[in-house]
Amino acid sequence: MTHTALSLLCSPFAALGRVVLAFVAELGGLAIFLAQGLWRIVVPAPSWTKIMQQVYFIGVKSIFVIGLIGLFTGMVLGLQGYYTLVKFGSEGLLGAAVALSIIRELGPVLTAIMITGRAGSSMAAELGIMRISEQIDALTTMDINPMRFLVAPRLAAALICFPLLTALFDVVGILGGYVSGCVLLGINPGVYFDRIDATVVLADVTGGFVKSLVFALLVAAICCYEGYFTHTRQGGFGAKGVSLATTSAVVLSCVVILVSDYILTSFLL
């Protein structure tokens, strides 16, 4: 076999190897970035003013959209659940079905995806613009640590806001199921809430909050990482680089949320 033929035979494997190495390097860089951000939350003392500003942006400004999505998700679950359960004469279980679906799965996942779309994209775009306009370099020149000044407050705020917004989604979603099942379709309200009380246990609630904390770390780290390193992105610089970084942050965060949800669910069940 000639040298040229051997090179053609090996080129697909070489290309695959380069992709795998690039993926592992990116994953390692993200892990180091996350560890540095978490460390800068506590060392030195946290900047509570910066954290509260991010809590307002990520949490308070997301209340309306999270509540609205929670309400209609619960109403759809109530509607679909009623017409499914009534075929088996089990419509009295509607409250338990709605509550468990929302608390275990839909609450943490949909909340994380909605925050990614509203706040995560903004994080990536803001940091990306600061990077290409050299504001992050200016912070370093002034001996201000960019990780502590820009990334750590966003990570801390995400850890605070994700569980609280998930709890809001859960409560509003259960009330949405009540509106569909009891107000519109005539199920006894006492039966609806009694089934929830009898079925939902503490492990269901804590499992949902564990997921929300993991999603908070992943979403905040990915969105900040994509914006922070916008200048290293291939195929785009300036406004195009920021656009590509923002798109990549949202898509990657949503994929990671769903993949990690499956992994976490397999451990929590």
C-alpha atoms as a PDB file:
ATOM      1  CA  MET A   1       0.000   0.000   0.000  1.00  0.00           C
ATOM      2  CA  THR A   2       1.408   3.363  -1.024  1.00  0.00           C
ATOM      3  CA  HIS A   3       1.853   6.256   1.403  1.00  0.00           C
ATOM      4  CA  THR A   4      -0.921   8.256  -0.327  1.00  0.00           C
ATOM      5  CA  ALA A   5      -3.417   5.389  -0.084  1.00  0.00           C
ATOM      6  CA  LEU A   6      -2.542   4.888   3.569  1.00  0.00           C
ATOM      7  CA  SER A   7      -3.145   8.590   4.261  1.00  0.00           C
ATOM      8  CA  LEU A   8      -6.551   8.485   2.558  1.00  0.00           C
ATOM      9  CA  LEU A   9      -7.489   5.388   4.573  1.00  0.00           C
ATOM     10  CA  CYS A  10      -6.515   6.985   7.872  1.00  0.00           C
ATOM     11  CA  SER A  11      -7.894  10.491   7.219  1.00  0.00           C
ATOM     12  CA  PRO A  12     -11.431   9.781   8.581  1.00  0.00           C
ATOM     13  CA  PHE A  13      -9.964   8.415  11.803  1.00  0.00           C
ATOM     14  CA  ALA A  14      -7.606  11.371  12.073  1.00  0.00           C
ATOM     15  CA  ALA A  15     -10.525  13.767  11.595  1.00  0.00           C
ATOM     16  CA  LEU A  16     -12.554  11.913  14.226  1.00  0.00           C
ATOM     17  CA  GLY A  17      -9.599  12.047  16.599  1.00  0.00           C
ATOM     18  CA  ARG A  18      -9.257  15.817  16.137  1.00  0.00           C
ATOM     19  CA  VAL A  19     -12.961  16.292  16.862  1.00  0.00           C
ATOM     20  CA  VAL A  20     -12.758  14.168  20.015  1.00  0.00           C
ATOM     21  CA  LEU A  21      -9.651  15.995  21.233  1.00  0.00           C
ATOM     22  CA  ALA A  22     -11.287  19.365  20.586  1.00  0.00           C
ATOM     23  CA  PHE A  23     -14.414  18.264  22.483  1.00  0.00           C
ATOM     24  CA  VAL A  24     -12.396  17.020  25.456  1.00  0.00           C
ATOM     25  CA  ALA A  25     -10.356  20.236  25.504  1.00  0.00           C
ATOM     26  CA  GLU A  26     -13.554  22.334  25.418  1.00  0.00           C
ATOM     27  CA  LEU A  27     -15.091  20.252  28.210  1.00  0.00           C
ATOM     28  CA  GLY A  28     -11.964  20.615  30.319  1.00  0.00           C
ATOM     29  CA  GLY A  29     -11.885  24.360  29.723  1.00  0.00           C
ATOM     30  CA  LEU A  30     -15.536  24.661  30.791  1.00  0.00           C
ATOM     31  CA  ALA A  31     -14.889  22.626  33.962  1.00  0.00           C
ATOM     32  CA  ILE A  32     -11.914  24.830  34.918  1.00  0.00           C
ATOM     33  CA  PHE A  33     -13.958  27.958  34.135  1.00  0.00           C
ATOM     34  CA  LEU A  34     -16.793  26.735  36.388  1.00  0.00           C
ATOM     35  CA  ALA A  35     -14.398  25.848  39.224  1.00  0.00           C
ATOM     36  CA  GLN A  36     -12.737  29.280  39.031  1.00  0.00           C
ATOM     37  CA  GLY A  37     -16.138  31.000  39.038  1.00  0.00           C
ATOM     38  CA  LEU A  38     -17.345  29.064  42.087  1.00  0.00           C
ATOM     39  CA  TRP A  39     -14.084  29.752  43.905  1.00  0.00           C
ATOM     40  CA  ARG A  40     -14.405  33.478  43.228  1.00  0.00           C
ATOM     41  CA  ILE A  41     -17.851  33.506  44.807  1.00  0.00           C
ATOM     42  CA  VAL A  42     -16.353  32.925  48.251  1.00  0.00           C
ATOM     43  CA  VAL A  43     -12.706  34.070  47.912  1.00  0.00           C
ATOM     44  CA  PRO A  44     -12.438  36.913  48.654  1.00  0.00           C
ATOM     45  CA  ALA A  45     -15.717  37.923  50.345  1.00  0.00           C
ATOM     46  CA  PRO A  46     -18.641  37.909  47.871  1.00  0.00           C
ATOM     47  CA  SER A  47     -19.838  41.149  46.326  1.00  0.00           C
ATOM     48  CA  TRP A  48     -23.471  41.079  47.470  1.00  0.00           C
ATOM     49  CA  THR A  49     -24.349  44.214  45.507  1.00  0.00           C
ATOM     50  CA  LYS A  50     -23.313  42.548  42.249  1.00  0.00           C
ATOM     51  CA  ILE A  51     -25.065  39.303  43.200  1.00  0.00           C
ATOM     52  CA  MET A  52     -28.325  41.111  44.040  1.00  0.00           C
ATOM     53  CA  GLN A  53     -28.187  42.964  40.711  1.00  0.00           C
ATOM     54  CA  GLN A  54     -27.980  39.628  38.920  1.00  0.00           C
ATOM     55  CA  VAL A  55     -30.703  38.117  41.132  1.00  0.00           C
ATOM     56  CA  TYR A  56     -32.969  40.962  40.044  1.00  0.00           C
ATOM     57  CA  PHE A  57     -32.094  40.433  36.389  1.00  0.00           C
ATOM     58  CA  ILE A  58     -32.262  36.623  36.338  1.00  0.00           C
ATOM     59  CA  GLY A  59     -34.935  36.059  38.972  1.00  0.00           C
ATOM     60  CA  VAL A  60     -37.286  39.006  39.418  1.00  0.00           C
ATOM     61  CA  LYS A  61     -37.549  39.810  35.715  1.00  0.00           C
ATOM     62  CA  SER A  62     -38.325  36.143  34.951  1.00  0.00           C
ATOM     63  CA  ILE A  63     -41.243  35.832  37.391  1.00  0.00           C
ATOM     64  CA  PHE A  64     -43.948  36.816  34.916  1.00  0.00           C
ATOM     65  CA  VAL A  65     -42.851  34.519  32.087  1.00  0.00           C
ATOM     66  CA  ILE A  66     -42.227  31.582  34.452  1.00  0.00           C
ATOM     67  CA  GLY A  67     -45.648  32.053  36.053  1.00  0.00           C
ATOM     68  CA  LEU A  68     -47.359  32.302  32.659  1.00  0.00           C
ATOM     69  CA  ILE A  69     -45.648  29.180  31.283  1.00  0.00           C
ATOM     70  CA  GLY A  70     -46.367  27.314  34.534  1.00  0.00           C
ATOM     71  CA  LEU A  71     -50.060  28.215  34.426  1.00  0.00           C
ATOM     72  CA  PHE A  72     -50.631  27.035  30.857  1.00  0.00           C
ATOM     73  CA  THR A  73     -48.452  23.931  31.314  1.00  0.00           C
ATOM     74  CA  GLY A  74     -50.604  22.932  34.282  1.00  0.00           C
ATOM     75  CA  MET A  75     -53.805  23.676  32.379  1.00  0.00           C
ATOM     76  CA  VAL A  76     -52.704  21.533  29.421  1.00  0.00           C
ATOM     77  CA  LEU A  77     -51.684  18.697  31.759  1.00  0.00           C
ATOM     78  CA  GLY A  78     -55.049  18.951  33.513  1.00  0.00           C
ATOM     79  CA  LEU A  79     -56.922  18.848  30.222  1.00  0.00           C
ATOM     80  CA  GLN A  80     -54.948  15.973  28.706  1.00  0.00           C
ATOM     81  CA  GLY A  81     -54.823  14.057  31.987  1.00  0.00           C
ATOM     82  CA  TYR A  82     -58.564  14.302  32.521  1.00  0.00           C
ATOM     83  CA  TYR A  83     -59.510  12.865  29.113  1.00  0.00           C
ATOM     84  CA  THR A  84     -56.937  10.073  29.536  1.00  0.00           C
ATOM     85  CA  LEU A  85     -57.877   9.117  33.090  1.00  0.00           C
ATOM     86  CA  VAL A  86     -61.636   9.304  32.492  1.00  0.00           C
ATOM     87  CA  LYS A  87     -61.326   6.372  30.055  1.00  0.00           C
ATOM     88  CA  PHE A  88     -60.235   4.207  32.996  1.00  0.00           C
ATOM     89  CA  GLY A  89     -62.648   5.734  35.502  1.00  0.00           C
ATOM     90  CA  SER A  90     -59.676   7.254  37.384  1.00  0.00           C
ATOM     91  CA  GLU A  91     -60.227  10.981  36.918  1.00  0.00           C
ATOM     92  CA  GLY A  92     -59.904  11.387  40.677  1.00  0.00           C
ATOM     93  CA  LEU A  93     -56.160  10.808  40.253  1.00  0.00           C
ATOM     94  CA  LEU A  94     -55.783  13.946  38.144  1.00  0.00           C
ATOM     95  CA  GLY A  95     -54.309  15.989  40.986  1.00  0.00           C
ATOM     96  CA  ALA A  96     -51.583  13.421  41.679  1.00  0.00           C
ATOM     97  CA  ALA A  97     -50.737  13.064  37.973  1.00  0.00           C
ATOM     98  CA  VAL A  98     -50.440  16.824  37.451  1.00  0.00           C
ATOM     99  CA  ALA A  99     -48.439  17.441  40.633  1.00  0.00           C
ATOM    100  CA  LEU A 100     -45.941  14.609  40.127  1.00  0.00           C
ATOM    101  CA  SER A 101     -45.370  15.485  36.468  1.00  0.00           C
ATOM    102  CA  ILE A 102     -44.690  19.105  37.293  1.00  0.00           C
ATOM    103  CA  ILE A 103     -42.663  18.684  40.495  1.00  0.00           C
ATOM    104  CA  ARG A 104     -40.464  15.850  39.262  1.00  0.00           C
ATOM    105  CA  GLU A 105     -39.857  16.807  35.624  1.00  0.00           C
ATOM    106  CA  LEU A 106     -41.581  19.709  33.946  1.00  0.00           C
ATOM    107  CA  GLY A 107     -40.999  22.308  36.648  1.00  0.00           C
ATOM    108  CA  PRO A 108     -37.166  22.108  36.787  1.00  0.00           C
ATOM    109  CA  VAL A 109     -36.700  21.468  33.053  1.00  0.00           C
ATOM    110  CA  LEU A 110     -39.055  24.096  31.612  1.00  0.00           C
ATOM    111  CA  THR A 111     -37.920  26.684  34.161  1.00  0.00           C
ATOM    112  CA  ALA A 112     -34.276  26.123  33.215  1.00  0.00           C
ATOM    113  CA  ILE A 113     -35.031  26.323  29.490  1.00  0.00           C
ATOM    114  CA  MET A 114     -37.056  29.528  29.890  1.00  0.00           C
ATOM    115  CA  ILE A 115     -34.309  31.168  31.981  1.00  0.00           C
ATOM    116  CA  THR A 116     -31.766  30.102  29.357  1.00  0.00           C
ATOM    117  CA  GLY A 117     -33.763  31.804  26.631  1.00  0.00           C
ATOM    118  CA  ARG A 118     -34.386  35.002  28.593  1.00  0.00           C
ATOM    119  CA  ALA A 119     -31.349  35.505  30.840  1.00  0.00           C
ATOM    120  CA  GLY A 120     -28.727  33.021  29.585  1.00  0.00           C
ATOM    121  CA  SER A 121     -28.666  34.495  26.088  1.00  0.00           C
ATOM    122  CA  SER A 122     -28.270  37.951  27.599  1.00  0.00           C
ATOM    123  CA  MET A 123     -25.327  36.772  29.732  1.00  0.00           C
ATOM    124  CA  ALA A 124     -23.518  35.383  26.681  1.00  0.00           C
ATOM    125  CA  ALA A 125     -24.202  38.478  24.569  1.00  0.00           C
ATOM    126  CA  GLU A 126     -23.209  40.945  27.309  1.00  0.00           C
ATOM    127  CA  LEU A 127     -19.936  39.190  28.098  1.00  0.00           C
ATOM    128  CA  GLY A 128     -19.236  38.709  24.394  1.00  0.00           C
ATOM    129  CA  ILE A 129     -19.639  42.427  23.691  1.00  0.00           C
ATOM    130  CA  MET A 130     -17.426  43.243  26.679  1.00  0.00           C
ATOM    131  CA  ARG A 131     -14.807  40.870  25.292  1.00  0.00           C
ATOM    132  CA  ILE A 132     -14.718  42.192  21.714  1.00  0.00           C
ATOM    133  CA  SER A 133     -14.755  45.800  22.931  1.00  0.00           C
ATOM    134  CA  GLU A 134     -11.785  44.936  25.185  1.00  0.00           C
ATOM    135  CA  GLN A 135     -13.604  45.898  28.398  1.00  0.00           C
ATOM    136  CA  ILE A 136     -12.595  42.576  29.989  1.00  0.00           C
ATOM    137  CA  ASP A 137      -8.970  43.266  29.062  1.00  0.00           C
ATOM    138  CA  ALA A 138      -9.348  46.703  30.621  1.00  0.00           C
ATOM    139  CA  LEU A 139     -10.531  45.131  33.895  1.00  0.00           C
ATOM    140  CA  THR A 140      -7.432  42.944  33.940  1.00  0.00           C
ATOM    141  CA  THR A 141      -5.259  45.995  33.263  1.00  0.00           C
ATOM    142  CA  MET A 142      -6.845  47.741  36.267  1.00  0.00           C
ATOM    143  CA  ASP A 143      -6.020  44.678  38.422  1.00  0.00           C
ATOM    144  CA  ILE A 144      -9.727  43.740  38.735  1.00  0.00           C
ATOM    145  CA  ASN A 145     -10.316  40.011  38.437  1.00  0.00           C
ATOM    146  CA  PRO A 146     -12.915  39.524  35.636  1.00  0.00           C
ATOM    147  CA  MET A 147     -13.981  36.146  37.044  1.00  0.00           C
ATOM    148  CA  ARG A 148     -14.904  37.728  40.384  1.00  0.00           C
ATOM    149  CA  PHE A 149     -16.363  40.881  38.854  1.00  0.00           C
ATOM    150  CA  LEU A 150     -18.370  39.344  35.982  1.00  0.00           C
ATOM    151  CA  VAL A 151     -18.765  35.567  36.273  1.00  0.00           C
ATOM    152  CA  ALA A 152     -19.022  34.802  40.015  1.00  0.00           C
ATOM    153  CA  PRO A 153     -22.082  37.083  40.626  1.00  0.00           C
ATOM    154  CA  ARG A 154     -23.931  35.437  37.739  1.00  0.00           C
ATOM    155  CA  LEU A 155     -23.180  31.930  39.022  1.00  0.00           C
ATOM    156  CA  ALA A 156     -24.270  32.842  42.555  1.00  0.00           C
ATOM    157  CA  ALA A 157     -27.448  34.516  41.323  1.00  0.00           C
ATOM    158  CA  ALA A 158     -28.322  31.484  39.194  1.00  0.00           C
ATOM    159  CA  LEU A 159     -27.918  29.191  42.221  1.00  0.00           C
ATOM    160  CA  ILE A 160     -30.344  31.419  44.146  1.00  0.00           C
ATOM    161  CA  CYS A 161     -32.907  32.018  41.403  1.00  0.00           C
ATOM    162  CA  PHE A 162     -33.319  28.615  39.728  1.00  0.00           C
ATOM    163  CA  PRO A 163     -34.783  26.784  42.786  1.00  0.00           C
ATOM    164  CA  LEU A 164     -37.041  29.735  43.677  1.00  0.00           C
ATOM    165  CA  LEU A 165     -38.402  30.045  40.138  1.00  0.00           C
ATOM    166  CA  THR A 166     -38.843  26.267  39.972  1.00  0.00           C
ATOM    167  CA  ALA A 167     -40.929  26.413  43.162  1.00  0.00           C
ATOM    168  CA  LEU A 168     -43.023  29.195  41.603  1.00  0.00           C
ATOM    169  CA  PHE A 169     -43.521  27.130  38.444  1.00  0.00           C
ATOM    170  CA  ASP A 170     -44.599  24.100  40.520  1.00  0.00           C
ATOM    171  CA  VAL A 171     -47.206  26.012  42.531  1.00  0.00           C
ATOM    172  CA  VAL A 172     -48.663  27.877  39.542  1.00  0.00           C
ATOM    173  CA  GLY A 173     -48.653  24.692  37.424  1.00  0.00           C
ATOM    174  CA  ILE A 174     -50.634  22.779  40.059  1.00  0.00           C
ATOM    175  CA  LEU A 175     -53.108  25.670  40.206  1.00  0.00           C
ATOM    176  CA  GLY A 176     -53.354  25.519  36.393  1.00  0.00           C
ATOM    177  CA  GLY A 177     -54.281  21.837  36.648  1.00  0.00           C
ATOM    178  CA  TYR A 178     -56.909  22.816  39.240  1.00  0.00           C
ATOM    179  CA  VAL A 179     -58.402  25.363  36.834  1.00  0.00           C
ATOM    180  CA  SER A 180     -58.704  22.781  34.039  1.00  0.00           C
ATOM    181  CA  GLY A 181     -59.749  19.811  36.154  1.00  0.00           C
ATOM    182  CA  CYS A 182     -61.963  21.370  38.818  1.00  0.00           C
ATOM    183  CA  VAL A 183     -63.200  24.716  37.507  1.00  0.00           C
ATOM    184  CA  LEU A 184     -63.712  23.747  33.848  1.00  0.00           C
ATOM    185  CA  LEU A 185     -64.281  19.958  33.942  1.00  0.00           C
ATOM    186  CA  GLY A 186     -65.998  19.542  37.289  1.00  0.00           C
ATOM    187  CA  ILE A 187     -63.660  17.369  39.371  1.00  0.00           C
ATOM    188  CA  ASN A 188     -64.194  17.774  43.113  1.00  0.00           C
ATOM    189  CA  PRO A 189     -61.562  20.242  44.441  1.00  0.00           C
ATOM    190  CA  GLY A 190     -61.258  18.269  47.682  1.00  0.00           C
ATOM    191  CA  VAL A 191     -60.401  15.102  45.761  1.00  0.00           C
ATOM    192  CA  TYR A 192     -57.896  17.004  43.579  1.00  0.00           C
ATOM    193  CA  PHE A 193     -55.872  18.398  46.487  1.00  0.00           C
ATOM    194  CA  ASP A 194     -56.323  15.291  48.709  1.00  0.00           C
ATOM    195  CA  ARG A 195     -54.689  13.116  46.017  1.00  0.00           C
ATOM    196  CA  ILE A 196     -51.780  15.559  45.817  1.00  0.00           C
ATOM    197  CA  ASP A 197     -51.354  15.470  49.585  1.00  0.00           C
ATOM    198  CA  ALA A 198     -51.479  11.663  49.638  1.00  0.00           C
ATOM    199  CA  THR A 199     -49.115  11.097  46.695  1.00  0.00           C
ATOM    200  CA  VAL A 200     -46.412  13.754  46.685  1.00  0.00           C
ATOM    201  CA  VAL A 201     -43.616  13.025  49.175  1.00  0.00           C
ATOM    202  CA  LEU A 202     -40.604  15.048  50.277  1.00  0.00           C
ATOM    203  CA  ALA A 203     -38.248  13.100  47.986  1.00  0.00           C
ATOM    204  CA  ASP A 204     -40.197  14.334  44.940  1.00  0.00           C
ATOM    205  CA  VAL A 205     -39.741  17.970  45.982  1.00  0.00           C
ATOM    206  CA  THR A 206     -36.064  17.657  46.945  1.00  0.00           C
ATOM    207  CA  GLY A 207     -35.350  15.798  43.701  1.00  0.00           C
ATOM    208  CA  GLY A 208     -36.779  18.701  41.713  1.00  0.00           C
ATOM    209  CA  PHE A 209     -34.663  21.211  43.638  1.00  0.00           C
ATOM    210  CA  VAL A 210     -31.512  19.107  43.133  1.00  0.00           C
ATOM    211  CA  LYS A 211     -32.166  19.203  39.392  1.00  0.00           C
ATOM    212  CA  SER A 212     -32.719  22.959  39.450  1.00  0.00           C
ATOM    213  CA  LEU A 213     -29.378  23.533  41.237  1.00  0.00           C
ATOM    214  CA  VAL A 214     -27.516  21.368  38.712  1.00  0.00           C
ATOM    215  CA  PHE A 215     -29.248  23.172  35.829  1.00  0.00           C
ATOM    216  CA  ALA A 216     -28.293  26.520  37.389  1.00  0.00           C
ATOM    217  CA  LEU A 217     -24.608  25.616  37.414  1.00  0.00           C
ATOM    218  CA  LEU A 218     -24.650  24.229  33.879  1.00  0.00           C
ATOM    219  CA  VAL A 219     -26.630  27.061  32.283  1.00  0.00           C
ATOM    220  CA  ALA A 220     -24.733  29.882  33.988  1.00  0.00           C
ATOM    221  CA  ALA A 221     -21.347  28.277  33.304  1.00  0.00           C
ATOM    222  CA  ILE A 222     -22.063  27.547  29.616  1.00  0.00           C
ATOM    223  CA  CYS A 223     -23.568  30.969  28.860  1.00  0.00           C
ATOM    224  CA  CYS A 224     -20.781  32.875  30.654  1.00  0.00           C
ATOM    225  CA  TYR A 225     -18.110  30.657  29.070  1.00  0.00           C
ATOM    226  CA  GLU A 226     -19.410  31.184  25.546  1.00  0.00           C
ATOM    227  CA  GLY A 227     -19.513  34.947  26.007  1.00  0.00           C
ATOM    228  CA  TYR A 228     -16.229  35.203  27.891  1.00  0.00           C
ATOM    229  CA  PHE A 229     -14.305  33.392  25.139  1.00  0.00           C
ATOM    230  CA  THR A 230     -16.103  34.896  22.153  1.00  0.00           C
ATOM    231  CA  HIS A 231     -12.804  36.114  20.709  1.00  0.00           C
ATOM    232  CA  THR A 232     -11.483  32.543  20.369  1.00  0.00           C
ATOM    233  CA  ARG A 233     -14.424  31.415  18.243  1.00  0.00           C
ATOM    234  CA  GLN A 234     -13.606  30.327  14.694  1.00  0.00           C
ATOM    235  CA  GLY A 235     -15.624  31.673  11.780  1.00  0.00           C
ATOM    236  CA  GLY A 236     -16.751  34.886  13.367  1.00  0.00           C
ATOM    237  CA  PHE A 237     -15.401  38.062  14.912  1.00  0.00           C
ATOM    238  CA  GLY A 238     -17.059  41.212  16.162  1.00  0.00           C
ATOM    239  CA  ALA A 239     -20.850  41.266  15.989  1.00  0.00           C
ATOM    240  CA  LYS A 240     -20.953  37.940  14.151  1.00  0.00           C
ATOM    241  CA  GLY A 241     -18.826  36.305  16.844  1.00  0.00           C
ATOM    242  CA  VAL A 242     -21.177  37.537  19.577  1.00  0.00           C
ATOM    243  CA  SER A 243     -24.173  36.295  17.609  1.00  0.00           C
ATOM    244  CA  LEU A 244     -22.625  32.856  17.151  1.00  0.00           C
ATOM    245  CA  ALA A 245     -21.616  32.705  20.836  1.00  0.00           C
ATOM    246  CA  THR A 246     -25.152  33.596  21.976  1.00  0.00           C
ATOM    247  CA  THR A 247     -26.748  31.021  19.686  1.00  0.00           C
ATOM    248  CA  SER A 248     -24.262  28.368  20.765  1.00  0.00           C
ATOM    249  CA  ALA A 249     -24.869  29.167  24.457  1.00  0.00           C
ATOM    250  CA  VAL A 250     -28.658  28.754  24.171  1.00  0.00           C
ATOM    251  CA  VAL A 251     -28.563  25.594  22.034  1.00  0.00           C
ATOM    252  CA  LEU A 252     -25.843  23.915  24.090  1.00  0.00           C
ATOM    253  CA  SER A 253     -27.553  24.813  27.379  1.00  0.00           C
ATOM    254  CA  CYS A 254     -30.899  23.351  26.249  1.00  0.00           C
ATOM    255  CA  VAL A 255     -29.244  20.123  25.069  1.00  0.00           C
ATOM    256  CA  VAL A 256     -27.252  19.799  28.296  1.00  0.00           C
ATOM    257  CA  ILE A 257     -30.388  20.431  30.382  1.00  0.00           C
ATOM    258  CA  LEU A 258     -32.251  17.556  28.704  1.00  0.00           C
ATOM    259  CA  VAL A 259     -29.292  15.154  28.790  1.00  0.00           C
ATOM    260  CA  SER A 260     -28.483  15.896  32.430  1.00  0.00           C
ATOM    261  CA  ASP A 261     -32.190  15.595  33.300  1.00  0.00           C
ATOM    262  CA  TYR A 262     -32.182  12.012  32.032  1.00  0.00           C
ATOM    263  CA  ILE A 263     -29.014  11.191  33.989  1.00  0.00           C
ATOM    264  CA  LEU A 264     -30.296  12.809  37.189  1.00  0.00           C
ATOM    265  CA  THR A 265     -33.690  11.129  36.883  1.00  0.00           C
ATOM    266  CA  SER A 266     -32.043   7.708  36.558  1.00  0.00           C
ATOM    267  CA  PHE A 267     -30.223   8.341  39.859  1.00  0.00           C
ATOM    268  CA  LEU A 268     -33.138   9.918  41.724  1.00  0.00           C
ATOM    269  CA  LEU A 269     -35.773   7.313  40.918  1.00  0.00           C
END
